[in-house]
Amino acid sequence: MSAFEEHVRAALDELPPHLARALENVAVVVEDENPQDPDLFGLYEGTPLPDRGQGYEGSLPDRISIYRVPLEESFEDADELREEIRITVLHELAHYFGIDEDRLEELGYD
C-alpha cells in the first residue's frame, strides 16, 4: 500500500464510530486522476444515503474516488497533503450522507 493510500485509509479509520457504521454499499478507491476533469481531487458517484429507498437493494456499490495526481501536484508538503486527503475524503463522504455543496462550503469543506 502506498503512502497516499495509507492517508486515505487513515482518514476513513478516523471517522467517528457512528459514521463508520453508517457506511453501506460504498467503495472508496484511489485513482490517478479523473479523465474528464484531471484537476478534480475527489468524486462521489451513487445514490446518497437519504435518497435510498425501495428498489435500491441489490444495487452496485456507490463509489468515492480520491485522485492521487492532482492532490500530490497541489500539495507538495507531506503534512498539507495528508490534511487535504483527509478533507477530500470527508467532502466526498458528506455527499454520500446527502450533504450538498452549499452546506459543505458553510462547514469549510469546499
PDB file of N, CA and C in Angstrom:
ATOM      1  N   MET A   1       0.852  -1.176   0.000  1.00  0.00           N
ATOM      2  CA  MET A   1       0.000   0.000   0.000  1.00  0.00           C
ATOM      3  C   MET A   1       0.897   1.238   0.000  1.00  0.00           C
ATOM      4  N   SER A   2       0.588   2.180  -0.886  1.00  0.00           N
ATOM      5  CA  SER A   2       1.384   3.402  -0.982  1.00  0.00           C
ATOM      6  C   SER A   2       1.077   4.333   0.189  1.00  0.00           C
ATOM      7  N   ALA A   3       1.955   5.310   0.400  1.00  0.00           N
ATOM      8  CA  ALA A   3       1.728   6.300   1.454  1.00  0.00           C
ATOM      9  C   ALA A   3       0.424   7.049   1.210  1.00  0.00           C
ATOM     10  N   PHE A   4       0.127   7.363  -0.045  1.00  0.00           N
ATOM     11  CA  PHE A   4      -1.109   8.057  -0.379  1.00  0.00           C
ATOM     12  C   PHE A   4      -2.312   7.216   0.059  1.00  0.00           C
ATOM     13  N   GLU A   5      -2.301   5.942  -0.300  1.00  0.00           N
ATOM     14  CA  GLU A   5      -3.397   5.049   0.076  1.00  0.00           C
ATOM     15  C   GLU A   5      -3.508   4.918   1.591  1.00  0.00           C
ATOM     16  N   GLU A   6      -2.381   4.938   2.282  1.00  0.00           N
ATOM     17  CA  GLU A   6      -2.395   4.885   3.747  1.00  0.00           C
ATOM     18  C   GLU A   6      -3.070   6.121   4.327  1.00  0.00           C
ATOM     19  N   HIS A   7      -2.862   7.288   3.706  1.00  0.00           N
ATOM     20  CA  HIS A   7      -3.514   8.514   4.176  1.00  0.00           C
ATOM     21  C   HIS A   7      -5.040   8.426   3.970  1.00  0.00           C
ATOM     22  N   VAL A   8      -5.454   7.856   2.847  1.00  0.00           N
ATOM     23  CA  VAL A   8      -6.884   7.666   2.604  1.00  0.00           C
ATOM     24  C   VAL A   8      -7.454   6.728   3.655  1.00  0.00           C
ATOM     25  N   ARG A   9      -6.774   5.632   3.902  1.00  0.00           N
ATOM     26  CA  ARG A   9      -7.209   4.647   4.905  1.00  0.00           C
ATOM     27  C   ARG A   9      -7.278   5.296   6.285  1.00  0.00           C
ATOM     28  N   ALA A  10      -6.279   6.103   6.623  1.00  0.00           N
ATOM     29  CA  ALA A  10      -6.268   6.775   7.927  1.00  0.00           C
ATOM     30  C   ALA A  10      -7.466   7.712   8.071  1.00  0.00           C
ATOM     31  N   ALA A  11      -7.810   8.429   7.006  1.00  0.00           N
ATOM     32  CA  ALA A  11      -8.968   9.326   7.052  1.00  0.00           C
ATOM     33  C   ALA A  11     -10.244   8.533   7.330  1.00  0.00           C
ATOM     34  N   LEU A  12     -10.360   7.363   6.740  1.00  0.00           N
ATOM     35  CA  LEU A  12     -11.530   6.516   6.978  1.00  0.00           C
ATOM     36  C   LEU A  12     -11.511   5.933   8.387  1.00  0.00           C
ATOM     37  N   ASP A  13     -10.328   5.527   8.842  1.00  0.00           N
ATOM     38  CA  ASP A  13     -10.200   4.945  10.181  1.00  0.00           C
ATOM     39  C   ASP A  13     -10.494   5.957  11.286  1.00  0.00           C
ATOM     40  N   GLU A  14     -10.325   7.253  10.985  1.00  0.00           N
ATOM     41  CA  GLU A  14     -10.547   8.302  11.980  1.00  0.00           C
ATOM     42  C   GLU A  14     -12.009   8.749  12.062  1.00  0.00           C
ATOM     43  N   LEU A  15     -12.869   8.180  11.220  1.00  0.00           N
ATOM     44  CA  LEU A  15     -14.282   8.538  11.276  1.00  0.00           C
ATOM     45  C   LEU A  15     -14.855   8.156  12.638  1.00  0.00           C
ATOM     46  N   PRO A  16     -15.749   8.987  13.173  1.00  0.00           N
ATOM     47  CA  PRO A  16     -16.438   8.584  14.406  1.00  0.00           C
ATOM     48  C   PRO A  16     -17.163   7.255  14.179  1.00  0.00           C
ATOM     49  N   PRO A  17     -17.198   6.406  15.183  1.00  0.00           N
ATOM     50  CA  PRO A  17     -17.792   5.069  15.002  1.00  0.00           C
ATOM     51  C   PRO A  17     -19.208   5.086  14.433  1.00  0.00           C
ATOM     52  N   HIS A  18     -20.051   6.028  14.847  1.00  0.00           N
ATOM     53  CA  HIS A  18     -21.428   6.035  14.348  1.00  0.00           C
ATOM     54  C   HIS A  18     -21.484   6.350  12.853  1.00  0.00           C
ATOM     55  N   LEU A  19     -20.527   7.139  12.345  1.00  0.00           N
ATOM     56  CA  LEU A  19     -20.479   7.401  10.903  1.00  0.00           C
ATOM     57  C   LEU A  19     -19.908   6.194  10.157  1.00  0.00           C
ATOM     58  N   ALA A  20     -18.863   5.605  10.703  1.00  0.00           N
ATOM     59  CA  ALA A  20     -18.264   4.436  10.056  1.00  0.00           C
ATOM     60  C   ALA A  20     -19.282   3.306   9.936  1.00  0.00           C
ATOM     61  N   ARG A  21     -20.104   3.107  10.968  1.00  0.00           N
ATOM     62  CA  ARG A  21     -21.122   2.046  10.931  1.00  0.00           C
ATOM     63  C   ARG A  21     -22.205   2.346   9.889  1.00  0.00           C
ATOM     64  N   ALA A  22     -22.390   3.618   9.563  1.00  0.00           N
ATOM     65  CA  ALA A  22     -23.433   4.007   8.600  1.00  0.00           C
ATOM     66  C   ALA A  22     -23.009   3.817   7.147  1.00  0.00           C
ATOM     67  N   LEU A  23     -21.742   3.522   6.906  1.00  0.00           N
ATOM     68  CA  LEU A  23     -21.264   3.328   5.538  1.00  0.00           C
ATOM     69  C   LEU A  23     -21.721   1.963   5.031  1.00  0.00           C
ATOM     70  N   GLU A  24     -22.615   1.985   4.065  1.00  0.00           N
ATOM     71  CA  GLU A  24     -23.146   0.751   3.496  1.00  0.00           C
ATOM     72  C   GLU A  24     -23.104   0.832   1.979  1.00  0.00           C
ATOM     73  N   ASN A  25     -22.594  -0.194   1.363  1.00  0.00           N
ATOM     74  CA  ASN A  25     -22.603  -0.311  -0.086  1.00  0.00           C
ATOM     75  C   ASN A  25     -21.903   0.869  -0.754  1.00  0.00           C
ATOM     76  N   VAL A  26     -20.724   1.201  -0.251  1.00  0.00           N
ATOM     77  CA  VAL A  26     -19.916   2.275  -0.832  1.00  0.00           C
ATOM     78  C   VAL A  26     -18.454   1.822  -0.852  1.00  0.00           C
ATOM     79  N   ALA A  27     -17.792   2.043  -1.963  1.00  0.00           N
ATOM     80  CA  ALA A  27     -16.376   1.709  -2.112  1.00  0.00           C
ATOM     81  C   ALA A  27     -15.576   2.998  -2.220  1.00  0.00           C
ATOM     82  N   VAL A  28     -14.481   3.064  -1.498  1.00  0.00           N
ATOM     83  CA  VAL A  28     -13.572   4.213  -1.589  1.00  0.00           C
ATOM     84  C   VAL A  28     -12.316   3.711  -2.293  1.00  0.00           C
ATOM     85  N   VAL A  29     -12.000   4.344  -3.431  1.00  0.00           N
ATOM     86  CA  VAL A  29     -10.881   3.894  -4.248  1.00  0.00           C
ATOM     87  C   VAL A  29      -9.933   5.056  -4.540  1.00  0.00           C
ATOM     88  N   VAL A  30      -8.676   4.733  -4.755  1.00  0.00           N
ATOM     89  CA  VAL A  30      -7.675   5.711  -5.174  1.00  0.00           C
ATOM     90  C   VAL A  30      -7.417   5.507  -6.652  1.00  0.00           C
ATOM     91  N   GLU A  31      -7.511   6.584  -7.411  1.00  0.00           N
ATOM     92  CA  GLU A  31      -7.211   6.549  -8.841  1.00  0.00           C
ATOM     93  C   GLU A  31      -6.207   7.661  -9.131  1.00  0.00           C
ATOM     94  N   ASP A  32      -5.532   7.560 -10.272  1.00  0.00           N
ATOM     95  CA  ASP A  32      -4.549   8.582 -10.622  1.00  0.00           C
ATOM     96  C   ASP A  32      -5.205   9.940 -10.840  1.00  0.00           C
ATOM     97  N   GLU A  33      -6.199   9.992 -11.730  1.00  0.00           N
ATOM     98  CA  GLU A  33      -6.901  11.254 -11.983  1.00  0.00           C
ATOM     99  C   GLU A  33      -8.212  10.971 -12.690  1.00  0.00           C
ATOM    100  N   ASN A  34      -9.110  11.952 -12.655  1.00  0.00           N
ATOM    101  CA  ASN A  34     -10.390  11.839 -13.335  1.00  0.00           C
ATOM    102  C   ASN A  34     -10.171  12.153 -14.811  1.00  0.00           C
ATOM    103  N   PRO A  35     -10.590  11.266 -15.731  1.00  0.00           N
ATOM    104  CA  PRO A  35     -10.337  11.504 -17.153  1.00  0.00           C
ATOM    105  C   PRO A  35     -11.054  12.735 -17.712  1.00  0.00           C
ATOM    106  N   GLN A  36     -12.226  13.078 -17.166  1.00  0.00           N
ATOM    107  CA  GLN A  36     -12.953  14.248 -17.665  1.00  0.00           C
ATOM    108  C   GLN A  36     -12.473  15.552 -17.025  1.00  0.00           C
ATOM    109  N   ASP A  37     -11.967  15.485 -15.802  1.00  0.00           N
ATOM    110  CA  ASP A  37     -11.524  16.675 -15.075  1.00  0.00           C
ATOM    111  C   ASP A  37     -10.258  16.334 -14.292  1.00  0.00           C
ATOM    112  N   PRO A  38      -9.083  16.433 -14.930  1.00  0.00           N
ATOM    113  CA  PRO A  38      -7.838  15.997 -14.289  1.00  0.00           C
ATOM    114  C   PRO A  38      -7.439  16.815 -13.066  1.00  0.00           C
ATOM    115  N   ASP A  39      -8.099  17.943 -12.800  1.00  0.00           N
ATOM    116  CA  ASP A  39      -7.780  18.740 -11.613  1.00  0.00           C
ATOM    117  C   ASP A  39      -8.655  18.388 -10.412  1.00  0.00           C
ATOM    118  N   LEU A  40      -9.613  17.499 -10.599  1.00  0.00           N
ATOM    119  CA  LEU A  40     -10.546  17.128  -9.542  1.00  0.00           C
ATOM    120  C   LEU A  40      -9.828  16.301  -8.469  1.00  0.00           C
ATOM    121  N   PHE A  41     -10.081  16.626  -7.198  1.00  0.00           N
ATOM    122  CA  PHE A  41      -9.460  15.893  -6.082  1.00  0.00           C
ATOM    123  C   PHE A  41     -10.232  14.634  -5.721  1.00  0.00           C
ATOM    124  N   GLY A  42     -11.556  14.677  -5.840  1.00  0.00           N
ATOM    125  CA  GLY A  42     -12.368  13.528  -5.459  1.00  0.00           C
ATOM    126  C   GLY A  42     -13.724  13.592  -6.127  1.00  0.00           C
ATOM    127  N   LEU A  43     -14.426  12.447  -6.135  1.00  0.00           N
ATOM    128  CA  LEU A  43     -15.735  12.384  -6.779  1.00  0.00           C
ATOM    129  C   LEU A  43     -16.574  11.302  -6.105  1.00  0.00           C
ATOM    130  N   TYR A  44     -17.817  11.675  -5.772  1.00  0.00           N
ATOM    131  CA  TYR A  44     -18.793  10.702  -5.266  1.00  0.00           C
ATOM    132  C   TYR A  44     -19.758  10.371  -6.394  1.00  0.00           C
ATOM    133  N   GLU A  45     -19.972   9.091  -6.631  1.00  0.00           N
ATOM    134  CA  GLU A  45     -20.923   8.627  -7.634  1.00  0.00           C
ATOM    135  C   GLU A  45     -21.839   7.599  -6.978  1.00  0.00           C
ATOM    136  N   GLY A  46     -23.128   7.873  -7.016  1.00  0.00           N
ATOM    137  CA  GLY A  46     -24.062   6.917  -6.440  1.00  0.00           C
ATOM    138  C   GLY A  46     -25.344   7.574  -5.989  1.00  0.00           C
ATOM    139  N   THR A  47     -26.043   6.870  -5.117  1.00  0.00           N
ATOM    140  CA  THR A  47     -27.296   7.350  -4.553  1.00  0.00           C
ATOM    141  C   THR A  47     -27.043   7.711  -3.095  1.00  0.00           C
ATOM    142  N   PRO A  48     -27.153   8.997  -2.754  1.00  0.00           N
ATOM    143  CA  PRO A  48     -26.911   9.393  -1.362  1.00  0.00           C
ATOM    144  C   PRO A  48     -27.795   8.600  -0.395  1.00  0.00           C
ATOM    145  N   LEU A  49     -27.275   8.333   0.762  1.00  0.00           N
ATOM    146  CA  LEU A  49     -27.953   7.526   1.765  1.00  0.00           C
ATOM    147  C   LEU A  49     -29.398   7.973   2.021  1.00  0.00           C
ATOM    148  N   PRO A  50     -29.670   9.284   2.176  1.00  0.00           N
ATOM    149  CA  PRO A  50     -31.062   9.681   2.442  1.00  0.00           C
ATOM    150  C   PRO A  50     -32.012   9.441   1.264  1.00  0.00           C
ATOM    151  N   ASP A  51     -31.477   9.272   0.069  1.00  0.00           N
ATOM    152  CA  ASP A  51     -32.312   9.082  -1.125  1.00  0.00           C
ATOM    153  C   ASP A  51     -32.560   7.615  -1.461  1.00  0.00           C
ATOM    154  N   ARG A  52     -31.939   6.735  -0.713  1.00  0.00           N
ATOM    155  CA  ARG A  52     -32.114   5.308  -0.986  1.00  0.00           C
ATOM    156  C   ARG A  52     -33.480   4.869  -0.469  1.00  0.00           C
ATOM    157  N   GLY A  53     -34.156   4.123  -1.278  1.00  0.00           N
ATOM    158  CA  GLY A  53     -35.480   3.648  -0.880  1.00  0.00           C
ATOM    159  C   GLY A  53     -35.770   2.325  -1.533  1.00  0.00           C
ATOM    160  N   GLN A  54     -37.046   2.097  -1.771  1.00  0.00           N
ATOM    161  CA  GLN A  54     -37.463   0.873  -2.441  1.00  0.00           C
ATOM    162  C   GLN A  54     -36.713   0.764  -3.770  1.00  0.00           C
ATOM    163  N   GLY A  55     -36.237  -0.403  -4.066  1.00  0.00           N
ATOM    164  CA  GLY A  55     -35.550  -0.623  -5.327  1.00  0.00           C
ATOM    165  C   GLY A  55     -34.043  -0.435  -5.257  1.00  0.00           C
ATOM    166  N   TYR A  56     -33.537   0.085  -4.114  1.00  0.00           N
ATOM    167  CA  TYR A  56     -32.088   0.256  -4.010  1.00  0.00           C
ATOM    168  C   TYR A  56     -31.396  -1.070  -3.709  1.00  0.00           C
ATOM    169  N   GLU A  57     -32.077  -1.952  -3.012  1.00  0.00           N
ATOM    170  CA  GLU A  57     -31.493  -3.247  -2.656  1.00  0.00           C
ATOM    171  C   GLU A  57     -30.897  -3.922  -3.882  1.00  0.00           C
ATOM    172  N   GLY A  58     -29.704  -4.468  -3.739  1.00  0.00           N
ATOM    173  CA  GLY A  58     -29.059  -5.162  -4.838  1.00  0.00           C
ATOM    174  C   GLY A  58     -28.328  -4.247  -5.810  1.00  0.00           C
ATOM    175  N   SER A  59     -28.318  -2.953  -5.540  1.00  0.00           N
ATOM    176  CA  SER A  59     -27.610  -2.012  -6.414  1.00  0.00           C
ATOM    177  C   SER A  59     -26.104  -2.180  -6.274  1.00  0.00           C
ATOM    178  N   LEU A  60     -25.406  -1.829  -7.325  1.00  0.00           N
ATOM    179  CA  LEU A  60     -23.949  -1.827  -7.252  1.00  0.00           C
ATOM    180  C   LEU A  60     -23.517  -0.813  -6.202  1.00  0.00           C
ATOM    181  N   PRO A  61     -22.339  -1.004  -5.603  1.00  0.00           N
ATOM    182  CA  PRO A  61     -21.886  -0.052  -4.581  1.00  0.00           C
ATOM    183  C   PRO A  61     -21.691   1.355  -5.152  1.00  0.00           C
ATOM    184  N   ASP A  62     -22.005   2.351  -4.312  1.00  0.00           N
ATOM    185  CA  ASP A  62     -21.624   3.712  -4.639  1.00  0.00           C
ATOM    186  C   ASP A  62     -20.105   3.746  -4.677  1.00  0.00           C
ATOM    187  N   ARG A  63     -19.566   4.808  -5.261  1.00  0.00           N
ATOM    188  CA  ARG A  63     -18.110   4.880  -5.433  1.00  0.00           C
ATOM    189  C   ARG A  63     -17.616   6.266  -5.062  1.00  0.00           C
ATOM    190  N   ILE A  64     -16.602   6.288  -4.236  1.00  0.00           N
ATOM    191  CA  ILE A  64     -15.885   7.519  -3.923  1.00  0.00           C
ATOM    192  C   ILE A  64     -14.476   7.341  -4.460  1.00  0.00           C
ATOM    193  N   SER A  65     -14.114   8.200  -5.414  1.00  0.00           N
ATOM    194  CA  SER A  65     -12.766   8.160  -5.989  1.00  0.00           C
ATOM    195  C   SER A  65     -11.968   9.321  -5.410  1.00  0.00           C
ATOM    196  N   ILE A  66     -10.757   9.017  -4.969  1.00  0.00           N
ATOM    197  CA  ILE A  66      -9.823  10.027  -4.495  1.00  0.00           C
ATOM    198  C   ILE A  66      -8.679  10.028  -5.511  1.00  0.00           C
ATOM    199  N   TYR A  67      -8.407  11.212  -6.077  1.00  0.00           N
ATOM    200  CA  TYR A  67      -7.470  11.304  -7.201  1.00  0.00           C
ATOM    201  C   TYR A  67      -6.087  11.747  -6.739  1.00  0.00           C
ATOM    202  N   ARG A  68      -5.141  10.823  -6.863  1.00  0.00           N
ATOM    203  CA  ARG A  68      -3.785  10.985  -6.363  1.00  0.00           C
ATOM    204  C   ARG A  68      -3.000  12.099  -7.054  1.00  0.00           C
ATOM    205  N   VAL A  69      -2.965  12.118  -8.375  1.00  0.00           N
ATOM    206  CA  VAL A  69      -2.091  13.044  -9.113  1.00  0.00           C
ATOM    207  C   VAL A  69      -2.394  14.511  -8.799  1.00  0.00           C
ATOM    208  N   PRO A  70      -3.650  14.976  -8.927  1.00  0.00           N
ATOM    209  CA  PRO A  70      -3.887  16.393  -8.650  1.00  0.00           C
ATOM    210  C   PRO A  70      -3.623  16.766  -7.190  1.00  0.00           C
ATOM    211  N   LEU A  71      -3.880  15.854  -6.268  1.00  0.00           N
ATOM    212  CA  LEU A  71      -3.600  16.153  -4.867  1.00  0.00           C
ATOM    213  C   LEU A  71      -2.095  16.262  -4.625  1.00  0.00           C
ATOM    214  N   GLU A  72      -1.333  15.310  -5.145  1.00  0.00           N
ATOM    215  CA  GLU A  72       0.124  15.354  -4.952  1.00  0.00           C
ATOM    216  C   GLU A  72       0.749  16.553  -5.646  1.00  0.00           C
ATOM    217  N   GLU A  73       0.223  16.931  -6.805  1.00  0.00           N
ATOM    218  CA  GLU A  73       0.766  18.090  -7.519  1.00  0.00           C
ATOM    219  C   GLU A  73       0.419  19.405  -6.819  1.00  0.00           C
ATOM    220  N   SER A  74      -0.709  19.453  -6.140  1.00  0.00           N
ATOM    221  CA  SER A  74      -1.161  20.681  -5.486  1.00  0.00           C
ATOM    222  C   SER A  74      -0.590  20.856  -4.082  1.00  0.00           C
ATOM    223  N   PHE A  75      -0.192  19.765  -3.446  1.00  0.00           N
ATOM    224  CA  PHE A  75       0.276  19.819  -2.060  1.00  0.00           C
ATOM    225  C   PHE A  75       1.567  19.014  -1.931  1.00  0.00           C
ATOM    226  N   GLU A  76       2.694  19.701  -2.117  1.00  0.00           N
ATOM    227  CA  GLU A  76       3.993  19.026  -2.061  1.00  0.00           C
ATOM    228  C   GLU A  76       4.431  18.738  -0.624  1.00  0.00           C
ATOM    229  N   ASP A  77       4.006  19.585   0.312  1.00  0.00           N
ATOM    230  CA  ASP A  77       4.342  19.365   1.714  1.00  0.00           C
ATOM    231  C   ASP A  77       3.560  18.152   2.234  1.00  0.00           C
ATOM    232  N   ALA A  78       4.246  17.218   2.867  1.00  0.00           N
ATOM    233  CA  ALA A  78       3.619  15.961   3.300  1.00  0.00           C
ATOM    234  C   ALA A  78       2.471  16.193   4.272  1.00  0.00           C
ATOM    235  N   ASP A  79       2.623  17.121   5.206  1.00  0.00           N
ATOM    236  CA  ASP A  79       1.557  17.389   6.170  1.00  0.00           C
ATOM    237  C   ASP A  79       0.344  18.018   5.497  1.00  0.00           C
ATOM    238  N   GLU A  80       0.577  18.943   4.583  1.00  0.00           N
ATOM    239  CA  GLU A  80      -0.524  19.575   3.848  1.00  0.00           C
ATOM    240  C   GLU A  80      -1.249  18.543   2.978  1.00  0.00           C
ATOM    241  N   LEU A  81      -0.477  17.661   2.336  1.00  0.00           N
ATOM    242  CA  LEU A  81      -1.083  16.618   1.502  1.00  0.00           C
ATOM    243  C   LEU A  81      -1.963  15.714   2.355  1.00  0.00           C
ATOM    244  N   ARG A  82      -1.450  15.265   3.488  1.00  0.00           N
ATOM    245  CA  ARG A  82      -2.218  14.390   4.373  1.00  0.00           C
ATOM    246  C   ARG A  82      -3.534  15.069   4.794  1.00  0.00           C
ATOM    247  N   GLU A  83      -3.466  16.351   5.147  1.00  0.00           N
ATOM    248  CA  GLU A  83      -4.658  17.086   5.564  1.00  0.00           C
ATOM    249  C   GLU A  83      -5.647  17.241   4.415  1.00  0.00           C
ATOM    250  N   GLU A  84      -5.154  17.536   3.221  1.00  0.00           N
ATOM    251  CA  GLU A  84      -6.060  17.709   2.086  1.00  0.00           C
ATOM    252  C   GLU A  84      -6.692  16.386   1.664  1.00  0.00           C
ATOM    253  N   ILE A  85      -5.967  15.291   1.796  1.00  0.00           N
ATOM    254  CA  ILE A  85      -6.562  13.972   1.538  1.00  0.00           C
ATOM    255  C   ILE A  85      -7.698  13.743   2.528  1.00  0.00           C
ATOM    256  N   ARG A  86      -7.473  14.057   3.793  1.00  0.00           N
ATOM    257  CA  ARG A  86      -8.500  13.895   4.822  1.00  0.00           C
ATOM    258  C   ARG A  86      -9.734  14.740   4.482  1.00  0.00           C
ATOM    259  N   ILE A  87      -9.505  15.990   4.121  1.00  0.00           N
ATOM    260  CA  ILE A  87     -10.611  16.889   3.768  1.00  0.00           C
ATOM    261  C   ILE A  87     -11.363  16.362   2.549  1.00  0.00           C
ATOM    262  N   THR A  88     -10.641  15.872   1.556  1.00  0.00           N
ATOM    263  CA  THR A  88     -11.280  15.351   0.341  1.00  0.00           C
ATOM    264  C   THR A  88     -12.120  14.120   0.650  1.00  0.00           C
ATOM    265  N   VAL A  89     -11.586  13.210   1.446  1.00  0.00           N
ATOM    266  CA  VAL A  89     -12.351  12.022   1.833  1.00  0.00           C
ATOM    267  C   VAL A  89     -13.625  12.446   2.570  1.00  0.00           C
ATOM    268  N   LEU A  90     -13.500  13.355   3.530  1.00  0.00           N
ATOM    269  CA  LEU A  90     -14.670  13.815   4.284  1.00  0.00           C
ATOM    270  C   LEU A  90     -15.680  14.518   3.380  1.00  0.00           C
ATOM    271  N   HIS A  91     -15.184  15.322   2.436  1.00  0.00           N
ATOM    272  CA  HIS A  91     -16.053  16.032   1.492  1.00  0.00           C
ATOM    273  C   HIS A  91     -16.892  15.037   0.689  1.00  0.00           C
ATOM    274  N   GLU A  92     -16.246  14.018   0.149  1.00  0.00           N
ATOM    275  CA  GLU A  92     -16.962  13.041  -0.674  1.00  0.00           C
ATOM    276  C   GLU A  92     -17.889  12.174   0.169  1.00  0.00           C
ATOM    277  N   LEU A  93     -17.483  11.832   1.384  1.00  0.00           N
ATOM    278  CA  LEU A  93     -18.370  11.090   2.276  1.00  0.00           C
ATOM    279  C   LEU A  93     -19.598  11.914   2.634  1.00  0.00           C
ATOM    280  N   ALA A  94     -19.427  13.216   2.747  1.00  0.00           N
ATOM    281  CA  ALA A  94     -20.563  14.089   3.040  1.00  0.00           C
ATOM    282  C   ALA A  94     -21.604  13.983   1.926  1.00  0.00           C
ATOM    283  N   HIS A  95     -21.161  13.903   0.685  1.00  0.00           N
ATOM    284  CA  HIS A  95     -22.108  13.716  -0.423  1.00  0.00           C
ATOM    285  C   HIS A  95     -22.853  12.386  -0.269  1.00  0.00           C
ATOM    286  N   TYR A  96     -22.136  11.353   0.143  1.00  0.00           N
ATOM    287  CA  TYR A  96     -22.761  10.052   0.399  1.00  0.00           C
ATOM    288  C   TYR A  96     -23.882  10.198   1.438  1.00  0.00           C
ATOM    289  N   PHE A  97     -23.643  11.029   2.460  1.00  0.00           N
ATOM    290  CA  PHE A  97     -24.637  11.249   3.518  1.00  0.00           C
ATOM    291  C   PHE A  97     -25.692  12.281   3.130  1.00  0.00           C
ATOM    292  N   GLY A  98     -25.621  12.797   1.889  1.00  0.00           N
ATOM    293  CA  GLY A  98     -26.651  13.688   1.387  1.00  0.00           C
ATOM    294  C   GLY A  98     -26.408  15.160   1.619  1.00  0.00           C
ATOM    295  N   ILE A  99     -25.201  15.545   1.966  1.00  0.00           N
ATOM    296  CA  ILE A  99     -24.874  16.954   2.199  1.00  0.00           C
ATOM    297  C   ILE A  99     -24.447  17.579   0.875  1.00  0.00           C
ATOM    298  N   ASP A 100     -25.058  18.702   0.521  1.00  0.00           N
ATOM    299  CA  ASP A 100     -24.763  19.336  -0.766  1.00  0.00           C
ATOM    300  C   ASP A 100     -23.591  20.314  -0.663  1.00  0.00           C
ATOM    301  N   GLU A 101     -23.174  20.822  -1.815  1.00  0.00           N
ATOM    302  CA  GLU A 101     -22.003  21.710  -1.900  1.00  0.00           C
ATOM    303  C   GLU A 101     -22.165  22.982  -1.065  1.00  0.00           C
ATOM    304  N   ASP A 102     -23.361  23.565  -1.055  1.00  0.00           N
ATOM    305  CA  ASP A 102     -23.568  24.797  -0.290  1.00  0.00           C
ATOM    306  C   ASP A 102     -23.328  24.562   1.196  1.00  0.00           C
ATOM    307  N   ARG A 103     -23.855  23.468   1.719  1.00  0.00           N
ATOM    308  CA  ARG A 103     -23.667  23.165   3.147  1.00  0.00           C
ATOM    309  C   ARG A 103     -22.201  22.823   3.431  1.00  0.00           C
ATOM    310  N   LEU A 104     -21.551  22.129   2.527  1.00  0.00           N
ATOM    311  CA  LEU A 104     -20.130  21.814   2.704  1.00  0.00           C
ATOM    312  C   LEU A 104     -19.300  23.090   2.763  1.00  0.00           C
ATOM    313  N   GLU A 105     -19.649  24.061   1.928  1.00  0.00           N
ATOM    314  CA  GLU A 105     -18.941  25.330   1.949  1.00  0.00           C
ATOM    315  C   GLU A 105     -19.144  26.039   3.300  1.00  0.00           C
ATOM    316  N   GLU A 106     -20.355  25.999   3.814  1.00  0.00           N
ATOM    317  CA  GLU A 106     -20.629  26.577   5.127  1.00  0.00           C
ATOM    318  C   GLU A 106     -19.788  25.913   6.218  1.00  0.00           C
ATOM    319  N   LEU A 107     -19.570  24.611   6.078  1.00  0.00           N
ATOM    320  CA  LEU A 107     -18.808  23.848   7.065  1.00  0.00           C
ATOM    321  C   LEU A 107     -17.297  23.933   6.862  1.00  0.00           C
ATOM    322  N   GLY A 108     -16.872  24.553   5.753  1.00  0.00           N
ATOM    323  CA  GLY A 108     -15.447  24.694   5.477  1.00  0.00           C
ATOM    324  C   GLY A 108     -14.834  23.524   4.739  1.00  0.00           C
ATOM    325  N   TYR A 109     -15.669  22.691   4.115  1.00  0.00           N
ATOM    326  CA  TYR A 109     -15.173  21.541   3.358  1.00  0.00           C
ATOM    327  C   TYR A 109     -15.403  21.706   1.865  1.00  0.00           C
ATOM    328  N   ASP A 110     -15.180  22.922   1.355  1.00  0.00           N
ATOM    329  CA  ASP A 110     -15.400  23.167  -0.070  1.00  0.00           C
ATOM    330  C   ASP A 110     -14.140  22.944  -0.866  1.00  0.00           C
TER     331      ASP A 110
END
